[in-house]
Amino acid sequence: MANVKLKQVVKSFGETKVIHGIDLDIKSGEFVVFVGPSGCGKSTLLRMIAGLETTTSGDIMIGTDRVNDLPPRSRDIAMVFQDYALYPHKSVFENMAFGLRLRKTPEAEIKKRVGDAAAILQIEHLLERKPRQLSGGQRQRVAMGRAIVRDPKAFLFDEPLSNLDAQLRNEMRTEIKKLHARLGKTIIYVTHDQVEAMTLADRIAVLSAGHVMQYASPDEIYNRPAAKFVAGFTGSPSMNFAPGKVSADGTSVLVAGSNVKLGYARASAAGSDVTFGVRPEDISLSGENADAIAARVVVVEPLGAETLVTLAIGESKPVEMITRVDADTKLLSGDQVKVSINAAKTHVFDLKSELAITA
């Protein structure tokens, strides 16, 4: 195992800077996920750690070694690619053994390592097959096995599940989580899927346009997002946003133009125009209590175990927000309801910087 550190890492393609001075400290044995939309720089950052992309400036450390100038084979890492990168003419055994053969590993050791990895991944019965005879999930297991046999300091995963169907993605996500628990190795994992990030990671680095917007535990990313971008990227459905104005005493936020009190604010933002945020699960249908807010049902989307409901909240200039209700709650478009918002779970973001206002 090894820790991985990035110190003011920059990557430019010609005059275009795509990675902007990133600092990250990944602990030995930690599972860290780089997540963000397409084009945010997450795969480029991973490839720089692997040595497949050069670093324009800054330092990449694996353990105590600065590896900027080392070729990939000398960094003692193993990478699992999105497209599996298996040799079609070789058997599963030979695909898994290939890297060991290049290193002149004794045959007995090769057989032991491949056998142990195959047992971990439950693919012992596939060792004599060719990749074309395997399903997508089986190919991904072989790619993972090829990485495991090398016993590297760290594993790098580049969107490994994106070619699989939804059910298989869920199954493989569980297998990768089990694999990390069993091996205890440092894993750096790239995905655009925030569900993968939230379920797999010890810590998540949320990237946008080559910047790390927040680097924290899944709980902190979800419940204490540092910026509007982070809040909007995590959660399904994502956080509801509305333009708001903080009251003069800094105790509440009113939806701009509607005079509906939606939550408590931050004293430092008193009197300011802000972006108000609340997650769907923190809006609930309520009876006629003092804090109830008038709303109209706009869209009802049954999902089986639950139902998503889009509401128009407020009367004069309503804003649309999504909430979750139990599957047995019967609502129709146009129904008039009352809702409550959990004020303690609301968020306020600066209108210009879009950073969270926390005090």
Protein backbone atom coordinates (compact mmCIF):
# COMPACT_ATOMS: atom_id res chain seq x y z
CA MET A 1 0.00 0.00 0.00
CA ALA A 2 1.04 3.60 -0.50
CA ASN A 3 -0.30 7.08 -0.07
CA VAL A 4 -0.61 9.28 -3.15
CA LYS A 5 -0.08 13.04 -3.03
CA LEU A 6 -0.70 15.69 -5.66
CA LYS A 7 1.01 19.02 -5.04
CA GLN A 8 -0.11 21.97 -7.18
CA VAL A 9 -0.54 19.70 -10.21
CA VAL A 10 -1.17 21.51 -13.48
CA LYS A 11 -1.86 20.11 -16.94
CA SER A 12 -1.96 22.19 -20.11
CA PHE A 13 -2.48 21.22 -23.72
CA GLY A 14 -0.73 24.02 -25.56
CA GLU A 15 -2.23 27.27 -24.29
CA THR A 16 -5.25 25.52 -22.78
CA LYS A 17 -4.99 24.71 -19.07
CA VAL A 18 -7.22 21.75 -18.14
CA ILE A 19 -5.98 20.99 -14.60
CA HIS A 20 -5.54 24.03 -12.36
CA GLY A 21 -3.08 23.53 -9.53
CA ILE A 22 -4.71 20.58 -7.74
CA ASP A 23 -3.65 19.51 -4.24
CA LEU A 24 -4.83 16.12 -2.94
CA ASP A 25 -3.61 13.82 -0.19
CA ILE A 26 -4.81 10.22 -0.61
CA LYS A 27 -4.04 8.05 2.40
CA SER A 28 -2.59 4.56 2.20
CA GLY A 29 -5.41 2.03 1.85
CA GLU A 30 -8.02 4.69 1.13
CA PHE A 31 -10.70 4.43 -1.57
CA VAL A 32 -10.91 7.84 -3.26
CA VAL A 33 -13.26 8.65 -6.13
CA PHE A 34 -12.80 11.45 -8.66
CA VAL A 35 -16.27 12.45 -9.82
CA GLY A 36 -17.60 15.13 -12.11
CA PRO A 37 -19.23 15.76 -15.48
CA SER A 38 -17.62 14.95 -18.82
CA GLY A 39 -14.69 17.23 -19.55
CA CYS A 40 -13.99 18.17 -15.91
CA GLY A 41 -10.48 16.68 -15.98
CA LYS A 42 -10.96 13.59 -13.80
CA SER A 43 -9.63 11.04 -16.32
CA THR A 44 -6.75 13.34 -17.26
CA LEU A 45 -5.81 13.58 -13.59
CA LEU A 46 -5.91 9.78 -13.23
CA ARG A 47 -3.78 9.31 -16.36
CA MET A 48 -1.22 11.74 -14.95
CA ILE A 49 -0.96 9.63 -11.78
CA ALA A 50 -0.56 6.54 -13.98
CA GLY A 51 2.11 8.19 -16.12
CA LEU A 52 0.03 8.04 -19.31
CA GLU A 53 -0.08 11.85 -19.42
CA THR A 54 2.82 14.17 -18.62
CA THR A 55 2.52 16.74 -15.85
CA THR A 56 2.98 20.35 -16.91
CA SER A 57 3.97 21.41 -13.39
CA GLY A 58 3.59 20.32 -9.79
CA ASP A 59 4.53 17.05 -8.08
CA ILE A 60 2.96 13.59 -8.02
CA MET A 61 4.13 11.45 -5.11
CA ILE A 62 3.48 7.71 -4.70
CA GLY A 63 4.71 6.75 -1.27
CA THR A 64 7.91 8.72 -0.73
CA ASP A 65 8.82 8.82 -4.43
CA ARG A 66 8.28 11.71 -6.83
CA VAL A 67 7.10 9.90 -9.96
CA ASN A 68 6.64 12.72 -12.48
CA ASP A 69 9.52 11.51 -14.61
CA LEU A 70 9.00 7.76 -14.15
CA PRO A 71 7.36 5.69 -16.93
CA PRO A 72 4.11 3.87 -16.05
CA ARG A 73 5.81 0.49 -15.58
CA SER A 74 8.10 1.96 -12.89
CA ARG A 75 5.34 3.50 -10.74
CA ASP A 76 4.13 0.20 -9.25
CA ILE A 77 0.48 0.91 -9.95
CA ALA A 78 -2.15 -1.12 -11.83
CA MET A 79 -4.85 0.44 -13.99
CA VAL A 80 -8.25 -0.97 -14.94
CA PHE A 81 -9.67 0.61 -18.08
CA GLN A 82 -13.21 1.28 -19.26
CA ASP A 83 -12.78 -0.94 -22.34
CA TYR A 84 -11.07 -3.82 -20.42
CA ALA A 85 -8.01 -3.78 -22.77
CA LEU A 86 -7.79 -7.59 -22.94
CA TYR A 87 -5.77 -9.48 -25.55
CA PRO A 88 -8.44 -11.23 -27.69
CA HIS A 89 -6.16 -14.10 -28.79
CA LYS A 90 -5.03 -14.99 -25.26
CA SER A 91 -6.93 -17.05 -22.68
CA VAL A 92 -8.17 -15.53 -19.45
CA PHE A 93 -5.22 -17.15 -17.65
CA GLU A 94 -2.71 -15.71 -20.11
CA ASN A 95 -4.32 -12.25 -19.97
CA MET A 96 -3.99 -12.26 -16.21
CA ALA A 97 -0.45 -13.67 -16.32
CA PHE A 98 0.86 -11.36 -19.07
CA GLY A 99 2.31 -8.65 -16.84
CA LEU A 100 3.96 -11.21 -14.59
CA ARG A 101 5.60 -12.90 -17.56
CA LEU A 102 7.06 -9.57 -18.67
CA ARG A 103 8.63 -9.29 -15.23
CA LYS A 104 10.15 -12.79 -15.54
CA THR A 105 8.11 -14.07 -12.59
CA PRO A 106 8.66 -17.81 -11.97
CA GLU A 107 5.94 -20.04 -13.42
CA ALA A 108 4.94 -21.49 -10.06
CA GLU A 109 4.44 -17.97 -8.68
CA ILE A 110 2.40 -16.98 -11.75
CA LYS A 111 0.07 -19.95 -11.30
CA LYS A 112 -0.38 -19.18 -7.61
CA ARG A 113 -1.09 -15.48 -8.12
CA VAL A 114 -3.49 -16.04 -11.02
CA GLY A 115 -5.25 -18.81 -9.10
CA ASP A 116 -5.61 -16.66 -5.98
CA ALA A 117 -6.96 -13.69 -7.96
CA ALA A 118 -9.35 -15.91 -9.91
CA ALA A 119 -10.67 -17.32 -6.63
CA ILE A 120 -11.23 -13.82 -5.19
CA LEU A 121 -13.15 -12.81 -8.33
CA GLN A 122 -14.92 -16.18 -8.73
CA ILE A 123 -13.66 -16.74 -12.28
CA GLU A 124 -11.67 -19.98 -11.80
CA HIS A 125 -13.96 -21.75 -14.29
CA LEU A 126 -13.20 -19.15 -16.99
CA LEU A 127 -9.40 -19.39 -17.07
CA GLU A 128 -9.22 -21.30 -20.36
CA ARG A 129 -11.74 -19.16 -22.24
CA LYS A 130 -10.99 -16.31 -24.64
CA PRO A 131 -12.39 -12.80 -24.04
CA ARG A 132 -14.94 -13.16 -26.87
CA GLN A 133 -16.53 -16.02 -24.93
CA LEU A 134 -17.15 -13.83 -21.86
CA SER A 135 -19.91 -11.43 -20.85
CA GLY A 136 -19.12 -7.78 -20.14
CA GLY A 137 -19.11 -8.40 -16.41
CA GLN A 138 -16.78 -11.37 -16.77
CA ARG A 139 -14.38 -9.35 -18.92
CA GLN A 140 -14.29 -6.65 -16.28
CA ARG A 141 -13.46 -9.25 -13.63
CA VAL A 142 -10.59 -10.49 -15.79
CA ALA A 143 -9.30 -6.92 -16.16
CA MET A 144 -9.47 -6.54 -12.38
CA GLY A 145 -7.74 -9.88 -11.93
CA ARG A 146 -4.89 -8.81 -14.19
CA ALA A 147 -4.42 -5.81 -11.90
CA ILE A 148 -4.66 -7.83 -8.68
CA VAL A 149 -1.95 -10.35 -9.62
CA ARG A 150 0.63 -7.58 -9.87
CA ASP A 151 0.14 -6.71 -6.17
CA PRO A 152 0.72 -2.99 -6.87
CA LYS A 153 1.00 -0.10 -4.42
CA ALA A 154 -2.24 1.38 -5.78
CA PHE A 155 -5.09 0.53 -8.16
CA LEU A 156 -6.42 3.08 -10.65
CA PHE A 157 -9.91 2.54 -12.10
CA ASP A 158 -10.99 4.64 -15.12
CA GLU A 159 -14.82 4.45 -15.38
CA PRO A 160 -14.68 0.63 -15.26
CA LEU A 161 -18.44 0.07 -15.13
CA SER A 162 -19.67 2.51 -17.77
CA ASN A 163 -20.01 -0.19 -20.48
CA LEU A 164 -22.23 -2.42 -18.33
CA ASP A 165 -26.01 -2.42 -18.03
CA ALA A 166 -27.63 -0.98 -14.90
CA GLN A 167 -28.12 -4.27 -13.04
CA LEU A 168 -24.61 -5.49 -13.75
CA ARG A 169 -23.19 -2.11 -12.73
CA ASN A 170 -24.85 -2.48 -9.34
CA GLU A 171 -23.48 -6.02 -8.93
CA MET A 172 -19.95 -5.05 -9.95
CA ARG A 173 -20.03 -2.00 -7.67
CA THR A 174 -20.66 -4.34 -4.76
CA GLU A 175 -17.84 -6.62 -5.90
CA ILE A 176 -15.38 -3.71 -6.10
CA LYS A 177 -16.37 -2.64 -2.58
CA LYS A 178 -15.77 -6.19 -1.33
CA LEU A 179 -12.45 -6.31 -3.19
CA HIS A 180 -11.21 -3.16 -1.48
CA ALA A 181 -12.22 -4.49 1.94
CA ARG A 182 -10.37 -7.74 1.24
CA LEU A 183 -7.18 -6.33 -0.27
CA GLY A 184 -6.95 -3.09 1.74
CA LYS A 185 -5.12 -1.41 -1.15
CA THR A 186 -5.16 2.26 -2.14
CA ILE A 187 -7.76 2.74 -4.88
CA ILE A 188 -8.32 5.83 -7.01
CA TYR A 189 -11.50 5.51 -9.04
CA VAL A 190 -12.88 7.79 -11.75
CA THR A 191 -16.58 8.00 -12.59
CA HIS A 192 -19.21 10.46 -13.79
CA ASP A 193 -21.83 8.53 -11.81
CA GLN A 194 -22.42 10.18 -8.44
CA VAL A 195 -24.17 7.05 -7.12
CA GLU A 196 -20.96 5.06 -7.67
CA ALA A 197 -19.00 7.80 -5.94
CA MET A 198 -21.28 7.96 -2.91
CA THR A 199 -21.48 4.19 -2.40
CA LEU A 200 -17.81 3.29 -2.99
CA ALA A 201 -15.68 6.11 -1.62
CA ASP A 202 -14.01 6.81 1.67
CA ARG A 203 -13.51 10.31 0.28
CA ILE A 204 -14.72 12.01 -2.89
CA ALA A 205 -13.01 14.70 -4.97
CA VAL A 206 -15.70 16.58 -6.90
CA LEU A 207 -14.16 18.18 -9.99
CA SER A 208 -15.42 20.95 -12.23
CA ALA A 209 -13.46 22.48 -15.12
CA GLY A 210 -10.13 21.23 -13.78
CA HIS A 211 -10.69 22.44 -10.20
CA VAL A 212 -11.44 20.39 -7.08
CA MET A 213 -14.64 21.91 -5.74
CA GLN A 214 -14.67 19.77 -2.59
CA TYR A 215 -12.66 16.86 -1.20
CA ALA A 216 -14.45 15.17 1.67
CA SER A 217 -16.35 12.11 2.89
CA PRO A 218 -19.59 11.14 1.09
CA ASP A 219 -21.57 12.29 4.15
CA GLU A 220 -19.98 15.74 4.10
CA ILE A 221 -20.29 16.08 0.32
CA TYR A 222 -24.00 15.29 0.53
CA ASN A 223 -24.99 17.08 3.72
CA ARG A 224 -22.52 19.98 3.77
CA PRO A 225 -21.72 20.79 0.13
CA ALA A 226 -19.10 23.51 -0.19
CA ALA A 227 -20.57 24.98 -3.37
CA LYS A 228 -23.74 25.04 -5.41
CA PHE A 229 -22.06 22.87 -8.05
CA VAL A 230 -21.35 20.12 -5.51
CA ALA A 231 -24.89 20.32 -4.14
CA GLY A 232 -26.40 20.07 -7.61
CA PHE A 233 -24.16 17.24 -8.79
CA THR A 234 -24.88 14.89 -5.87
CA GLY A 235 -28.20 13.29 -5.06
CA SER A 236 -30.86 11.85 -7.34
CA PRO A 237 -32.90 13.92 -7.85
CA SER A 238 -30.40 16.65 -7.09
CA MET A 239 -30.91 19.53 -4.70
CA ASN A 240 -33.71 22.01 -5.40
CA PHE A 241 -32.56 25.58 -5.95
CA ALA A 242 -34.46 28.87 -5.87
CA PRO A 243 -33.48 32.54 -5.90
CA GLY A 244 -33.94 33.98 -2.44
CA LYS A 245 -33.33 36.95 -0.19
CA VAL A 246 -32.08 36.72 3.36
CA SER A 247 -34.15 38.66 5.87
CA ALA A 248 -32.63 41.79 7.42
CA ASP A 249 -32.03 40.00 10.72
CA GLY A 250 -30.41 37.03 8.97
CA THR A 251 -32.83 34.47 10.38
CA SER A 252 -34.73 33.34 7.29
CA VAL A 253 -34.70 33.13 3.50
CA LEU A 254 -37.63 34.30 1.40
CA VAL A 255 -38.19 33.11 -2.14
CA ALA A 256 -37.60 36.13 -4.33
CA GLY A 257 -40.92 37.76 -5.17
CA SER A 258 -43.13 35.29 -3.32
CA ASN A 259 -42.57 36.18 0.36
CA VAL A 260 -42.55 32.48 1.28
CA LYS A 261 -40.21 31.70 4.16
CA LEU A 262 -38.23 28.63 3.13
CA GLY A 263 -35.64 28.18 5.84
CA TYR A 264 -33.17 29.71 8.21
CA ALA A 265 -30.25 31.66 6.79
CA ARG A 266 -26.81 32.80 7.96
CA ALA A 267 -26.27 36.03 9.86
CA SER A 268 -23.34 36.99 7.63
CA ALA A 269 -25.70 37.09 4.64
CA ALA A 270 -28.35 39.32 6.23
CA GLY A 271 -30.19 41.30 3.57
CA SER A 272 -28.35 39.57 0.71
CA ASP A 273 -29.68 38.01 -2.47
CA VAL A 274 -28.71 34.34 -2.41
CA THR A 275 -29.44 30.96 -3.93
CA PHE A 276 -31.50 28.82 -1.58
CA GLY A 277 -31.15 25.04 -1.66
CA VAL A 278 -33.02 22.10 -0.15
CA ARG A 279 -32.92 18.40 -0.97
CA PRO A 280 -36.12 16.58 -2.03
CA GLU A 281 -36.22 14.44 1.11
CA ASP A 282 -36.26 17.58 3.28
CA ILE A 283 -39.58 18.74 1.81
CA SER A 284 -42.58 16.88 3.21
CA LEU A 285 -46.32 16.96 2.87
CA SER A 286 -47.86 18.39 6.01
CA GLY A 287 -51.20 19.18 7.57
CA GLU A 288 -52.48 22.57 8.58
CA ASN A 289 -49.65 23.54 10.93
CA ALA A 290 -48.26 27.02 11.46
CA ASP A 291 -45.29 26.51 9.15
CA ALA A 292 -47.21 24.86 6.30
CA ILE A 293 -46.67 26.35 2.86
CA ALA A 294 -49.24 26.26 0.07
CA ALA A 295 -48.20 24.24 -2.98
CA ARG A 296 -49.70 22.80 -6.15
CA VAL A 297 -48.85 19.40 -7.62
CA VAL A 298 -47.35 19.81 -11.09
CA VAL A 299 -46.01 16.35 -12.02
CA VAL A 300 -46.30 12.93 -10.36
CA GLU A 301 -43.63 10.29 -11.21
CA PRO A 302 -44.18 6.84 -9.65
CA LEU A 303 -40.92 4.88 -9.19
CA GLY A 304 -42.26 1.77 -7.47
CA ALA A 305 -40.91 2.08 -3.94
CA GLU A 306 -41.47 5.84 -3.89
CA THR A 307 -42.98 8.65 -5.94
CA LEU A 308 -41.33 11.87 -7.05
CA VAL A 309 -43.62 14.88 -6.98
CA THR A 310 -42.85 18.23 -8.60
CA LEU A 311 -44.53 21.03 -6.64
CA ALA A 312 -45.14 24.68 -7.39
CA ILE A 313 -44.48 26.26 -3.99
CA GLY A 314 -45.85 29.68 -3.11
CA GLU A 315 -48.81 31.57 -4.52
CA SER A 316 -47.83 34.87 -6.14
CA LYS A 317 -44.66 33.74 -7.96
CA PRO A 318 -44.31 30.01 -7.26
CA VAL A 319 -41.06 28.09 -7.67
CA GLU A 320 -40.92 24.44 -8.68
CA MET A 321 -39.30 21.91 -6.36
CA ILE A 322 -39.19 18.12 -6.24
CA THR A 323 -40.02 16.03 -3.18
CA ARG A 324 -40.26 12.31 -2.42
CA VAL A 325 -43.42 10.71 -1.04
CA ASP A 326 -44.41 7.14 -0.18
CA ALA A 327 -45.61 5.04 -3.10
CA ASP A 328 -49.07 4.74 -1.54
CA THR A 329 -49.56 8.53 -1.38
CA LYS A 330 -52.17 9.30 -4.03
CA LEU A 331 -51.69 12.64 -5.76
CA LEU A 332 -52.76 14.05 -9.10
CA SER A 333 -51.52 16.96 -11.15
CA GLY A 334 -53.33 20.09 -10.01
CA ASP A 335 -53.94 18.95 -6.42
CA GLN A 336 -53.51 21.64 -3.77
CA VAL A 337 -51.35 20.54 -0.83
CA LYS A 338 -49.46 21.93 2.14
CA VAL A 339 -45.74 21.26 2.61
CA SER A 340 -43.14 21.78 5.30
CA ILE A 341 -39.42 22.33 4.79
CA ASN A 342 -36.85 21.10 7.29
CA ALA A 343 -35.18 24.42 8.00
CA ALA A 344 -32.16 22.76 9.64
CA LYS A 345 -31.39 20.96 6.38
CA THR A 346 -31.53 24.00 4.07
CA HIS A 347 -28.54 25.56 2.33
CA VAL A 348 -27.61 29.08 1.26
CA PHE A 349 -25.13 29.87 -1.54
CA ASP A 350 -23.53 33.18 -2.46
CA LEU A 351 -25.09 34.52 -5.63
CA LYS A 352 -21.77 35.40 -7.31
CA SER A 353 -19.19 32.90 -6.07
CA GLU A 354 -21.79 30.10 -5.63
CA LEU A 355 -19.90 29.00 -2.51
CA ALA A 356 -21.86 27.87 0.54
CA ILE A 357 -22.53 30.47 3.21
CA THR A 358 -21.97 28.67 6.47
CA ALA A 359 -22.00 31.32 9.19
